[in-house]
Protein backbone atom coordinates (compact mmCIF):
# COMPACT_ATOMS: atom_id res chain seq x y z
CA MET A 1 0.00 0.00 0.00
CA LEU A 2 2.88 2.38 0.79
CA ARG A 3 4.39 1.86 -2.69
CA VAL A 4 1.04 2.64 -4.31
CA TYR A 5 0.76 5.81 -2.28
CA LEU A 6 4.25 7.01 -3.15
CA GLY A 7 3.63 6.33 -6.85
CA THR A 8 0.40 8.34 -6.75
CA LEU A 9 2.16 11.19 -4.97
CA ALA A 10 4.93 11.28 -7.58
CA ALA A 11 2.37 11.45 -10.40
CA ALA A 12 0.53 14.28 -8.66
CA LEU A 13 3.77 16.22 -8.26
CA GLY A 14 4.51 15.83 -11.97
CA VAL A 15 1.15 17.31 -12.89
CA ALA A 16 1.54 20.13 -10.37
CA THR A 17 5.02 21.00 -11.61
CA GLY A 18 3.77 21.17 -15.19
CA ALA A 19 0.95 23.47 -14.14
CA PHE A 20 3.46 25.89 -12.67
CA ALA A 21 6.04 25.82 -15.46
CA GLN A 22 6.04 29.60 -15.65
CA PRO A 23 8.42 32.06 -14.02
CA ALA A 24 7.55 33.29 -10.56
CA VAL A 25 5.77 36.62 -10.60
CA PRO A 26 7.38 39.64 -8.94
CA ILE A 27 6.02 40.77 -5.61
CA SER A 28 5.69 44.25 -4.21
CA ASN A 29 3.51 46.09 -1.74
CA LYS A 30 1.87 48.44 -4.25
CA SER A 31 -1.44 46.61 -4.48
CA VAL A 32 -3.45 43.93 -2.77
CA ARG A 33 -5.02 41.46 -5.15
CA PRO A 34 -8.75 40.77 -4.70
CA ALA A 35 -10.09 37.24 -5.01
CA PHE A 36 -11.73 37.67 -8.40
CA VAL A 37 -10.72 40.08 -11.15
CA PRO A 38 -12.61 40.20 -14.43
CA ALA A 39 -10.45 39.99 -17.49
CA LYS A 40 -10.03 43.30 -19.34
CA PRO A 41 -9.61 43.48 -23.11
CA ALA A 42 -6.16 44.39 -24.30
CA GLN A 43 -5.77 48.02 -25.33
CA PRO A 44 -3.84 48.73 -28.54
CA ILE A 45 -0.61 50.58 -28.12
CA GLN A 46 -0.88 54.13 -29.54
CA GLN A 47 1.88 56.47 -30.57
CA VAL A 48 1.74 59.58 -28.44
CA LYS A 49 3.44 62.85 -29.45
CA SER A 50 5.83 64.44 -27.06
CA GLU A 51 4.13 66.92 -24.85
CA PRO A 52 5.41 69.32 -22.27
CA ALA A 53 5.62 67.97 -18.78
CA PRO A 54 2.30 68.39 -17.05
CA VAL A 55 1.97 70.99 -14.34
CA PRO A 56 1.57 69.34 -10.93
CA ALA A 57 -1.99 69.45 -9.76
CA VAL A 58 -2.78 71.66 -6.79
CA PRO A 59 -4.12 69.56 -3.90
CA PRO A 60 -7.77 70.27 -3.23
CA VAL A 61 -8.61 72.40 -0.24
CA VAL A 62 -10.30 70.37 2.43
CA VAL A 63 -13.00 72.28 4.21
CA PRO A 64 -13.16 71.32 7.91
CA GLY A 65 -16.24 69.30 8.72
CA ALA A 66 -16.95 68.36 5.10
CA ALA A 67 -17.36 64.62 4.29
CA PRO A 68 -14.55 63.25 2.08
CA THR A 69 -15.47 62.15 -1.41
CA ALA A 70 -15.15 58.33 -1.93
CA GLN A 71 -12.49 57.48 -4.50
CA PRO A 72 -12.81 54.27 -6.57
CA ILE A 73 -10.09 51.65 -6.09
CA THR A 74 -8.75 50.37 -9.40
CA LEU A 75 -6.56 47.37 -10.09
CA PRO A 76 -3.46 47.75 -12.28
CA PRO A 77 -4.29 46.48 -15.80
CA SER A 78 -1.17 44.28 -15.84
CA CYS A 79 -2.35 42.52 -12.68
CA ALA A 80 -5.84 42.01 -14.08
CA ALA A 81 -4.40 40.51 -17.23
CA ASP A 82 -2.17 38.11 -15.31
CA VAL A 83 -5.03 37.02 -13.07
CA ALA A 84 -7.14 36.32 -16.13
CA ALA A 85 -4.33 34.36 -17.77
CA ALA A 86 -3.66 32.33 -14.61
CA CYS A 87 -7.33 31.36 -14.40
CA GLY A 88 -7.33 30.04 -17.93
CA GLU A 89 -8.90 33.02 -19.68
CA ALA A 90 -7.61 34.61 -22.84
CA ALA A 91 -5.53 37.63 -21.95
CA PRO A 92 -2.18 39.04 -23.02
CA ALA A 93 0.82 38.11 -20.95
CA GLY A 94 2.18 40.73 -18.62
CA ALA A 95 4.11 41.22 -15.44
CA CYS A 96 1.99 40.91 -12.31
CA ASP A 97 2.53 43.13 -9.31
CA CYS A 98 0.29 41.04 -7.02
CA LEU A 99 0.43 38.62 -4.09
CA CYS A 100 0.55 34.84 -4.39
CA GLY A 101 -3.04 33.62 -4.11
CA PRO A 102 -5.37 33.09 -2.44
CA PRO A 103 -5.73 36.41 -0.59
CA GLY A 104 -5.44 36.74 3.18
CA ARG A 105 -2.46 36.75 5.54
CA VAL A 106 -4.30 34.70 8.20
CA TRP A 107 -6.67 31.77 7.74
CA LEU A 108 -8.85 29.74 10.11
CA GLY A 109 -10.93 26.70 9.22
CA ALA A 110 -13.18 24.00 10.64
CA GLU A 111 -14.29 20.66 9.18
CA TYR A 112 -16.91 18.07 9.99
CA LEU A 113 -15.42 14.59 9.44
CA LEU A 114 -17.20 11.37 8.49
CA TRP A 115 -14.50 8.71 8.62
CA THR A 116 -14.00 5.00 9.13
CA THR A 117 -10.90 3.13 10.30
CA SER A 118 -9.36 -0.30 9.93
CA GLY A 119 -10.84 -2.78 12.38
CA ASN A 120 -9.50 -4.30 15.57
CA SER A 121 -9.29 -8.04 14.86
CA LEU A 122 -10.38 -10.13 17.85
CA PRO A 123 -10.17 -13.92 18.23
CA PRO A 124 -13.33 -15.94 19.03
CA LEU A 125 -14.31 -14.91 22.57
CA ALA A 126 -17.63 -16.73 23.02
CA THR A 127 -18.95 -19.82 21.26
CA SER A 128 -21.96 -22.13 21.36
CA ALA A 129 -22.62 -25.79 20.65
CA PRO A 130 -25.77 -27.82 19.91
CA ALA A 131 -27.70 -29.30 22.82
CA GLY A 132 -26.36 -32.67 23.85
CA THR A 133 -22.75 -31.98 22.83
CA ALA A 134 -20.31 -33.68 25.21
CA ARG A 135 -18.67 -31.41 27.76
CA GLY A 136 -15.15 -32.21 26.56
CA VAL A 137 -15.69 -30.79 23.05
CA ALA A 138 -18.62 -28.42 23.56
CA GLY A 139 -17.83 -25.00 22.08
CA THR A 140 -14.20 -25.79 21.21
CA ILE A 141 -12.73 -24.23 18.08
CA GLY A 142 -13.23 -26.82 15.36
CA GLY A 143 -15.50 -28.91 17.60
CA PRO A 144 -18.77 -30.49 16.38
CA GLY A 145 -21.39 -27.83 15.67
CA THR A 146 -19.37 -24.99 17.24
CA SER A 147 -20.43 -21.49 16.18
CA THR A 148 -18.86 -18.18 17.16
CA LEU A 149 -21.13 -15.79 19.08
CA ILE A 150 -18.65 -13.02 19.92
CA GLY A 151 -15.30 -12.25 18.32
CA GLY A 152 -13.68 -13.87 15.34
CA ARG A 153 -13.93 -10.69 13.23
CA ASP A 154 -12.90 -7.02 12.99
CA TYR A 155 -14.49 -4.53 15.42
CA ASN A 156 -14.83 -0.72 15.45
CA THR A 157 -15.06 -0.33 11.67
CA ASP A 158 -18.22 1.81 11.77
CA TRP A 159 -18.41 5.24 10.13
CA ARG A 160 -18.21 7.90 12.81
CA SER A 161 -18.28 11.64 13.11
CA GLY A 162 -15.32 13.83 13.98
CA PHE A 163 -14.06 17.39 13.85
CA ARG A 164 -10.95 19.18 12.63
CA VAL A 165 -9.78 22.76 13.31
CA TYR A 166 -6.80 24.40 11.65
CA GLY A 167 -5.20 27.74 10.95
CA GLY A 168 -2.17 29.46 9.55
CA LEU A 169 -0.27 32.70 9.02
CA TRP A 170 1.85 34.09 6.21
CA ILE A 171 4.99 35.60 7.69
CA ASP A 172 5.88 37.83 4.73
CA GLN A 173 3.67 40.16 2.72
CA GLY A 174 4.34 38.23 -0.46
CA GLN A 175 2.78 35.10 1.14
CA ARG A 176 5.81 32.95 0.33
CA PHE A 177 6.68 31.81 3.88
CA GLY A 178 4.23 30.79 6.57
CA VAL A 179 3.25 28.42 9.38
CA SER A 180 0.13 26.28 9.86
CA GLY A 181 -1.28 23.87 12.40
CA ASP A 182 -4.23 21.48 12.82
CA TYR A 183 -5.96 19.21 15.33
CA PHE A 184 -8.60 16.53 14.66
CA PHE A 185 -10.46 13.82 16.52
CA LEU A 186 -12.92 11.05 15.72
CA GLY A 187 -15.76 10.21 18.06
CA ASN A 188 -15.32 7.00 20.06
CA SER A 189 -16.40 3.78 18.38
CA THR A 190 -17.97 1.44 20.96
CA THR A 191 -19.38 -2.05 20.47
CA ARG A 192 -20.96 -4.23 23.17
CA GLU A 193 -22.08 -7.80 22.58
CA VAL A 194 -23.66 -10.18 25.10
CA ALA A 195 -24.26 -13.92 25.02
CA GLY A 196 -26.00 -15.76 27.84
CA SER A 197 -28.50 -18.37 28.90
CA ASP A 198 -30.35 -19.69 31.94
CA GLY A 199 -28.58 -23.01 31.52
CA SER A 200 -30.72 -24.39 28.74
CA ARG A 201 -28.07 -23.61 26.07
CA ILE A 202 -24.39 -24.42 25.80
CA ILE A 203 -22.31 -21.22 25.78
CA THR A 204 -18.56 -21.27 26.33
CA ARG A 205 -15.36 -19.24 26.14
CA PRO A 206 -12.78 -21.03 23.98
CA PHE A 207 -9.03 -21.21 24.61
CA THR A 208 -6.09 -23.53 24.02
CA ASN A 209 -5.20 -25.46 27.16
CA THR A 210 -1.64 -26.55 27.94
CA VAL A 211 -2.36 -28.79 30.94
CA VAL A 212 -4.86 -31.46 32.02
CA ARG A 213 -6.38 -31.82 35.46
CA ASN A 214 -5.79 -35.13 37.24
CA ALA A 215 -8.29 -36.89 39.49
CA ASP A 216 -6.40 -35.79 42.62
CA GLY A 217 -6.59 -32.10 41.60
CA THR A 218 -3.04 -31.82 40.30
CA PHE A 219 -2.13 -30.88 36.74
CA THR A 220 0.07 -32.37 34.05
CA ALA A 221 1.59 -30.44 31.14
CA VAL A 222 0.51 -31.82 27.76
CA THR A 223 0.49 -30.90 24.09
CA PRO A 224 -1.82 -27.87 23.74
CA PHE A 225 -5.40 -28.81 22.84
CA PRO A 226 -8.71 -26.92 22.27
CA ASP A 227 -10.67 -26.38 25.49
CA THR A 228 -13.38 -24.08 26.88
CA GLN A 229 -14.58 -22.40 30.04
CA LEU A 230 -18.31 -22.80 30.64
CA VAL A 231 -20.68 -19.84 30.64
CA SER A 232 -23.90 -21.82 30.42
CA PHE A 233 -24.39 -25.60 30.44
CA PRO A 234 -27.46 -27.70 31.26
CA ASN A 235 -27.65 -28.74 34.93
CA VAL A 236 -24.25 -27.14 35.63
CA LEU A 237 -24.10 -23.39 35.10
CA ALA A 238 -26.17 -20.39 33.99
CA GLY A 239 -24.78 -16.98 33.09
CA GLN A 240 -23.68 -14.54 30.44
CA VAL A 241 -20.52 -13.08 28.93
CA ALA A 242 -20.39 -9.44 27.80
CA VAL A 243 -17.65 -8.04 25.56
CA THR A 244 -17.14 -4.28 25.19
CA THR A 245 -14.59 -2.89 22.76
CA GLN A 246 -13.81 0.78 22.19
CA SER A 247 -11.50 2.74 19.87
CA GLU A 248 -10.56 6.43 19.61
CA PHE A 249 -8.29 8.25 17.13
CA THR A 250 -6.85 11.78 17.27
CA GLY A 251 -4.06 13.72 15.60
CA ALA A 252 -2.32 17.09 15.40
CA GLY A 253 0.53 18.78 13.60
CA VAL A 254 2.38 22.00 12.85
CA ASN A 255 4.20 22.83 9.61
CA GLY A 256 6.39 25.50 8.12
CA ILE A 257 5.40 26.50 4.57
CA VAL A 258 7.82 27.47 1.79
CA ASN A 259 6.42 28.45 -1.59
CA LEU A 260 8.06 26.72 -4.54
CA CYS A 261 6.21 28.48 -7.34
CA CYS A 262 3.05 30.49 -7.69
CA SER A 263 0.73 32.54 -9.84
CA PRO A 264 -2.21 34.71 -8.82
CA CYS A 265 -4.57 31.73 -9.16
CA GLY A 266 -2.36 28.85 -8.05
CA ARG A 267 0.58 27.84 -5.90
CA LEU A 268 2.74 24.87 -4.95
CA ASP A 269 4.14 24.82 -1.40
CA PHE A 270 6.64 22.63 0.43
CA LEU A 271 5.72 21.59 3.99
CA ILE A 272 8.06 20.56 6.78
CA GLY A 273 7.07 20.10 10.39
CA TYR A 274 5.90 17.81 13.18
CA ARG A 275 3.18 15.14 13.15
CA TYR A 276 1.41 13.48 16.10
CA LEU A 277 -1.15 10.65 16.08
CA ASN A 278 -2.84 8.82 18.94
CA LEU A 279 -4.80 5.54 18.74
CA ASN A 280 -6.35 4.01 21.86
CA ASP A 281 -8.18 0.66 22.07
CA THR A 282 -9.84 -0.98 25.07
CA LEU A 283 -11.35 -4.44 25.49
CA TYR A 284 -13.33 -5.51 28.55
CA ILE A 285 -14.68 -9.05 28.97
CA ARG A 286 -16.95 -9.86 31.89
CA GLU A 287 -18.65 -13.12 32.88
CA ASP A 288 -21.48 -13.29 35.45
CA LEU A 289 -22.11 -16.95 36.34
CA ARG A 290 -24.27 -18.90 38.80
CA GLY A 291 -24.05 -22.55 39.74
CA LEU A 292 -27.30 -24.46 39.13
CA PRO A 293 -28.94 -26.61 41.86
CA GLY A 294 -27.51 -30.11 41.98
CA SER A 295 -24.13 -29.09 40.56
CA ALA A 296 -20.81 -29.08 42.41
CA ASN A 297 -21.05 -25.27 42.76
CA ALA A 298 -24.77 -24.98 43.45
CA ASN A 299 -25.87 -21.38 44.17
CA ALA A 300 -22.30 -20.10 44.02
CA ALA A 301 -21.68 -16.90 42.00
CA PHE A 302 -18.65 -16.15 39.83
CA VAL A 303 -17.51 -12.90 38.20
CA VAL A 304 -14.63 -13.31 35.73
CA GLU A 305 -13.01 -10.19 34.20
CA ASP A 306 -10.34 -9.61 31.55
CA ARG A 307 -9.17 -6.08 30.66
CA PHE A 308 -6.86 -5.06 27.80
CA ARG A 309 -5.86 -1.53 26.79
CA THR A 310 -3.40 -0.30 24.17
CA GLU A 311 -2.18 3.25 23.51
CA ASN A 312 -0.18 4.14 20.40
CA HIS A 313 1.54 7.55 20.21
CA PHE A 314 3.31 8.56 16.99
CA HIS A 315 5.82 11.44 16.92
CA GLY A 316 7.55 12.22 13.65
CA VAL A 317 8.98 14.66 11.12
CA ASN A 318 6.48 15.55 8.42
CA LEU A 319 7.43 16.34 4.79
CA GLY A 320 4.89 17.20 2.14
CA LEU A 321 3.59 19.23 -0.77
CA SER A 322 0.41 21.27 -1.05
CA TRP A 323 -0.95 22.38 -4.44
CA GLU A 324 -3.89 24.71 -5.08
CA ARG A 325 -5.43 25.97 -8.32
CA ARG A 326 -8.37 28.33 -8.71
CA PHE A 327 -10.77 28.53 -11.65
CA SER A 328 -12.93 31.63 -11.33
CA ASN A 329 -14.98 31.06 -8.16
CA PHE A 330 -13.92 27.41 -7.76
CA PHE A 331 -10.72 25.93 -6.36
CA VAL A 332 -8.98 22.56 -6.07
CA ASN A 333 -6.45 21.72 -3.37
CA VAL A 334 -4.32 18.55 -3.18
CA LEU A 335 -2.08 17.55 -0.25
CA GLY A 336 0.48 14.76 0.02
CA SER A 337 2.83 14.14 2.94
CA VAL A 338 4.92 11.48 4.63
CA ALA A 339 5.84 11.51 8.33
CA LEU A 340 8.76 9.45 9.63
CA GLY A 341 9.16 8.81 13.34
CA ASN A 342 8.59 6.60 16.36
CA THR A 343 5.48 4.85 17.66
CA ARG A 344 5.46 4.51 21.44
CA THR A 345 3.02 1.82 22.56
CA ILE A 346 1.71 1.32 26.10
CA VAL A 347 -0.15 -1.89 26.93
CA ASP A 348 -2.11 -2.55 30.14
CA ILE A 349 -3.43 -6.04 30.93
CA ASP A 350 -5.42 -6.89 34.04
CA GLY A 351 -7.89 -9.52 35.19
CA ALA A 352 -9.72 -10.74 38.29
CA THR A 353 -12.06 -13.49 39.47
CA THR A 354 -14.53 -13.00 42.32
CA ILE A 355 -16.14 -16.09 43.88
CA THR A 356 -19.07 -15.92 46.28
CA ASP A 357 -20.08 -19.29 47.77
CA ALA A 358 -23.59 -20.33 48.72
CA ALA A 359 -23.06 -19.03 52.26
CA GLY A 360 -22.23 -15.53 50.98
CA ASN A 361 -18.48 -15.63 51.58
CA THR A 362 -16.56 -13.72 48.90
CA GLN A 363 -12.98 -14.18 47.68
CA ARG A 364 -11.20 -12.17 44.98
CA PHE A 365 -8.29 -13.54 42.97
CA THR A 366 -5.90 -12.04 40.45
CA GLY A 367 -6.53 -13.28 36.94
CA GLY A 368 -9.59 -13.94 34.79
CA LEU A 369 -9.32 -16.28 31.80
CA LEU A 370 -7.13 -14.62 29.13
CA ALA A 371 -5.48 -12.27 31.64
CA GLN A 372 -3.39 -14.23 34.16
CA PRO A 373 -0.40 -13.44 36.39
CA SER A 374 1.82 -14.61 33.51
CA ASN A 375 0.78 -11.68 31.24
CA ILE A 376 -0.83 -9.15 33.59
CA GLY A 377 1.13 -5.90 33.81
CA ARG A 378 2.07 -2.67 32.04
CA TYR A 379 4.36 -2.78 29.02
CA GLU A 380 6.03 -0.06 26.91
CA LEU A 381 7.28 -0.57 23.34
CA ASN A 382 8.97 1.63 20.72
CA ARG A 383 9.07 1.05 16.98
CA PHE A 384 9.92 3.02 13.83
CA ALA A 385 6.83 3.91 11.79
CA VAL A 386 5.82 5.66 8.57
CA VAL A 387 2.65 7.76 8.25
CA PRO A 388 1.71 8.82 4.70
CA GLU A 389 -1.34 11.03 4.12
CA VAL A 390 -3.15 12.24 1.01
CA GLY A 391 -6.04 14.67 0.84
CA ALA A 392 -8.04 16.67 -1.66
CA ARG A 393 -10.53 19.54 -1.47
CA LEU A 394 -13.00 20.90 -4.01
CA GLY A 395 -14.74 24.13 -3.08
CA VAL A 396 -16.18 27.52 -3.88
CA GLN A 397 -14.70 30.91 -2.99
CA LEU A 398 -17.80 32.82 -1.91
CA THR A 399 -15.99 36.07 -1.08
CA ASP A 400 -12.42 37.22 -0.57
CA ALA A 401 -12.71 36.10 3.05
CA LEU A 402 -14.96 33.02 2.90
CA ARG A 403 -14.76 29.66 1.14
CA VAL A 404 -16.60 26.35 1.58
CA TYR A 405 -15.53 22.94 0.33
CA VAL A 406 -15.89 19.16 0.45
CA GLY A 407 -12.80 16.98 0.90
CA TYR A 408 -11.37 13.49 1.22
CA ASN A 409 -8.47 12.23 3.36
CA PHE A 410 -6.59 8.95 3.71
CA ILE A 411 -4.08 8.30 6.52
CA TYR A 412 -1.93 5.17 6.83
CA TRP A 413 0.05 4.18 9.95
CA SER A 414 2.56 1.40 9.44
CA ASP A 415 3.05 -0.15 12.92
CA VAL A 416 0.60 -0.13 15.82
CA VAL A 417 -0.45 -2.61 18.51
CA ARG A 418 -4.16 -3.12 19.17
CA THR A 419 -5.95 -5.08 21.88
CA GLY A 420 -6.55 -7.99 19.51
CA GLY A 421 -2.79 -8.18 19.03
CA VAL A 422 -1.97 -8.69 22.73
CA ILE A 423 -4.47 -11.49 23.43
CA ASP A 424 -2.84 -14.91 23.83
CA THR A 425 -5.52 -17.62 23.66
CA ARG A 426 -3.15 -20.21 25.13
CA VAL A 427 -3.96 -20.72 28.80
CA ASN A 428 -2.29 -22.86 31.44
CA ALA A 429 -5.46 -23.91 33.27
CA SER A 430 -3.52 -24.53 36.51
CA GLN A 431 -3.37 -20.71 36.82
CA LEU A 432 -7.15 -20.36 36.84
CA PRO A 433 -8.48 -19.20 40.24
CA PRO A 434 -8.62 -20.54 42.82
CA ARG A 435 -5.13 -21.76 41.91
CA THR A 436 -3.43 -24.31 44.15
CA ASN A 437 -0.47 -25.82 42.30
CA VAL A 438 0.68 -24.23 39.04
CA THR A 439 2.33 -26.75 36.72
CA GLY A 440 4.12 -26.42 33.38
CA ALA A 441 4.99 -23.44 31.19
CA LEU A 442 3.09 -20.29 32.01
CA PHE A 443 0.48 -19.09 29.53
CA PRO A 444 -0.92 -16.70 28.40
CA ARG A 445 2.16 -14.63 27.57
CA PHE A 446 2.74 -11.06 26.47
CA GLU A 447 3.79 -11.46 22.84
CA PRO A 448 2.46 -8.38 21.00
CA ARG A 449 1.70 -8.50 17.29
CA TYR A 450 2.11 -5.35 15.19
CA THR A 451 -0.34 -4.43 12.46
CA ASP A 452 -1.00 -1.49 10.16
CA PHE A 453 -3.78 1.04 10.67
CA TRP A 454 -5.62 3.33 8.30
CA ALA A 455 -8.38 5.91 8.44
CA HIS A 456 -10.21 7.62 5.61
CA GLY A 457 -13.37 9.51 4.82
CA VAL A 458 -14.99 12.72 3.65
CA SER A 459 -15.02 16.17 5.20
CA PHE A 460 -17.17 19.27 4.87
CA GLY A 461 -15.38 22.50 5.72
CA VAL A 462 -15.50 26.27 5.90
CA GLN A 463 -12.51 28.62 5.88
CA LEU A 464 -12.08 32.30 6.73
CA ARG A 465 -9.17 34.39 5.48
CA TYR A 466 -8.27 37.97 6.26
């Protein structure tokens, strides 16, 4: 995907460079160019006889208290001709004594975002099996009649609303050097799924077990095999499992702007600056279980919790190009950039099991099912990452100070860690509470898996310049 992006960016730069294959126009402070200038017909050059130097006009006498007479503001014909030529209209060539467009030393803008992001891939977290399935294979991955109720797909891929604000300032009057900055956020994407039964259905949580339980309560390490933890099973257990996953994405940046070439109706700028991105994912799994009458744990209550959270923070140097071209009242803007830097990832894993017996006595233990003492903790990682971005805007210049537009953006982030990438479905069942004698290699483990991330969507914006 990165190669495709870079190829597209190179093609766009070739087109932009061709569009600006004209010498840079001179800049002075004599006039301020308005947004739109109607083309004026060329006037034939006439031979004028030498005349005596005109006598300087005597300044008019200003009578105190009298209202001044409004004087019309005219645009130099050479500037009008160049504006017309730059906008694609027929006009004679001529030197332009105007600013690089568009007008305005300061600009502020706001955008409504409607974006989607790549999903957080989660393993199967809850399964079911047909009635009558033997306990040993009920709900196991690949077992007879097993179906996935929760997990086994990508989460948080929904389209969601967001907001972006940005602004900038030209440092020089010729609008050749400036600074700009932006901040955006997407609204949180939250999904909650629940599977449960009163004991009439078979509902389980699948995992890969690395030990077997002996008749005397001890454990023996074996070749890993598919296993499950019961959520609901006839005559044994009733309960439910709820899975909540959430994702949030924000970003910001600041850039210096250096103009490479310009005309009154178009410009190509080089950007260099700082880029920041933040991606947070959370996953919370909770079981509420109750032993059925006649079972070994009759009337006992169990609460099993697993919590996973990942934070990805990108800091990098941003390099890019911004091209804009105006056609009468309409404009097109194209942006391409690549940020190179570091992704700092923070991972938090926690879990607990609370057991309340039939007499009401409560005990709380560290560890749930997929979060055990072997992987519970806080971890910090660092990894080099690349963040390309492309964007385009198509809009209308309503006045010199106001423009509206619709846009599209695509952001790619090469290396992030998400909650689905820190879940280890291997479990040493001798660690499950209440643990007595832990045997064999400890699982689950913290073995993070990196993946790429992308976000894209449309935007609707308004911009003020003055």
